[in-house]
Amino acid sequence: MNNIVKYLRLSEKYDLTQEELAAALGVSRHTIISIEKGGSTTAEMVIKIGHFFNKDPREIFFIHDVEQSLQKEQLSAI
């Protein structure tokens, strides 16, 4: 599942290591690595990550086709 977890984690606002994010969410660093690489995760984890970053999970996680559609819309608006 495509997502922007790595982008958010490394953003100026959060600036976290994978280990720090994993500790905050109560999971292993390996779980964060998997999620950032687009691996599947549970609905509970999607909600936890959304809550942690104070965002709607739909703003963080998306299906590839949706991502491409959004990018095309953004480009055409420019």
Protein backbone atom coordinates (compact mmCIF):
# COMPACT_ATOMS: atom_id res chain seq x y z
CA MET A 1 0.00 0.00 0.00
CA ASN A 2 1.53 3.30 -1.05
CA ASN A 3 1.95 5.88 1.68
CA ILE A 4 3.80 8.96 2.81
CA VAL A 5 4.88 7.64 6.22
CA LYS A 6 8.60 8.07 5.45
CA TYR A 7 8.00 11.60 4.16
CA LEU A 8 6.09 12.54 7.32
CA ARG A 9 8.59 10.85 9.62
CA LEU A 10 11.48 12.77 8.05
CA SER A 11 9.61 16.06 7.77
CA GLU A 12 10.85 19.11 9.63
CA LYS A 13 7.88 18.91 11.97
CA TYR A 14 8.67 15.36 13.19
CA ASP A 15 12.27 14.49 12.19
CA LEU A 16 12.10 10.96 13.62
CA THR A 17 14.17 7.86 13.09
CA GLN A 18 12.41 4.62 12.24
CA GLU A 19 13.25 3.43 15.74
CA GLU A 20 11.65 6.50 17.35
CA LEU A 21 8.47 6.16 15.32
CA ALA A 22 8.32 2.44 16.07
CA ALA A 23 8.65 3.11 19.82
CA ALA A 24 5.94 5.79 19.69
CA LEU A 25 3.57 3.37 17.94
CA GLY A 26 4.52 0.33 20.03
CA VAL A 27 5.84 -1.72 17.12
CA SER A 28 9.21 -2.92 15.87
CA ARG A 29 11.49 -0.97 13.56
CA HIS A 30 11.02 -3.80 11.07
CA THR A 31 7.28 -3.00 10.98
CA ILE A 32 8.03 0.64 10.13
CA ILE A 33 10.47 -0.43 7.42
CA SER A 34 7.83 -2.70 5.91
CA ILE A 35 5.14 -0.03 5.99
CA GLU A 36 7.43 2.57 4.43
CA LYS A 37 8.26 0.13 1.63
CA GLY A 38 4.55 -0.26 0.89
CA GLY A 39 3.95 -3.52 2.72
CA SER A 40 0.50 -4.34 3.96
CA THR A 41 -0.50 -3.41 7.47
CA THR A 42 -3.53 -3.67 9.71
CA ALA A 43 -6.39 -1.21 9.84
CA GLU A 44 -5.50 -0.61 13.48
CA MET A 45 -1.96 0.40 12.51
CA VAL A 46 -3.23 2.68 9.73
CA ILE A 47 -5.43 4.44 12.30
CA LYS A 48 -2.58 4.65 14.85
CA ILE A 49 -0.28 6.22 12.27
CA GLY A 50 -2.98 8.68 11.22
CA HIS A 51 -3.56 9.63 14.85
CA PHE A 52 0.17 9.99 15.53
CA PHE A 53 0.65 12.36 12.60
CA ASN A 54 -2.68 14.09 13.31
CA LYS A 55 -3.99 13.31 9.82
CA ASP A 56 -6.83 11.40 8.29
CA PRO A 57 -5.34 7.98 7.35
CA ARG A 58 -6.61 8.54 3.80
CA GLU A 59 -4.14 11.41 3.54
CA ILE A 60 -1.28 9.03 4.39
CA PHE A 61 -2.24 5.69 2.83
CA PHE A 62 -3.55 5.26 -0.69
CA ILE A 63 -3.90 2.79 -3.51
CA HIS A 64 -1.50 3.31 -6.43
CA ASP A 65 -4.28 4.15 -8.91
CA VAL A 66 -5.64 6.83 -6.58
CA GLU A 67 -2.15 8.28 -6.17
CA GLN A 68 -1.69 8.58 -9.91
CA SER A 69 -5.10 10.22 -10.31
CA LEU A 70 -4.34 12.77 -7.61
CA GLN A 71 -0.97 13.59 -9.14
CA LYS A 72 -2.57 14.12 -12.56
CA GLU A 73 -5.19 16.41 -11.02
CA GLN A 74 -2.51 18.43 -9.25
CA LEU A 75 -0.46 18.78 -12.43
CA SER A 76 -3.45 19.90 -14.47
CA ALA A 77 -4.28 22.53 -11.85
CA ILE A 78 -0.87 24.13 -12.23
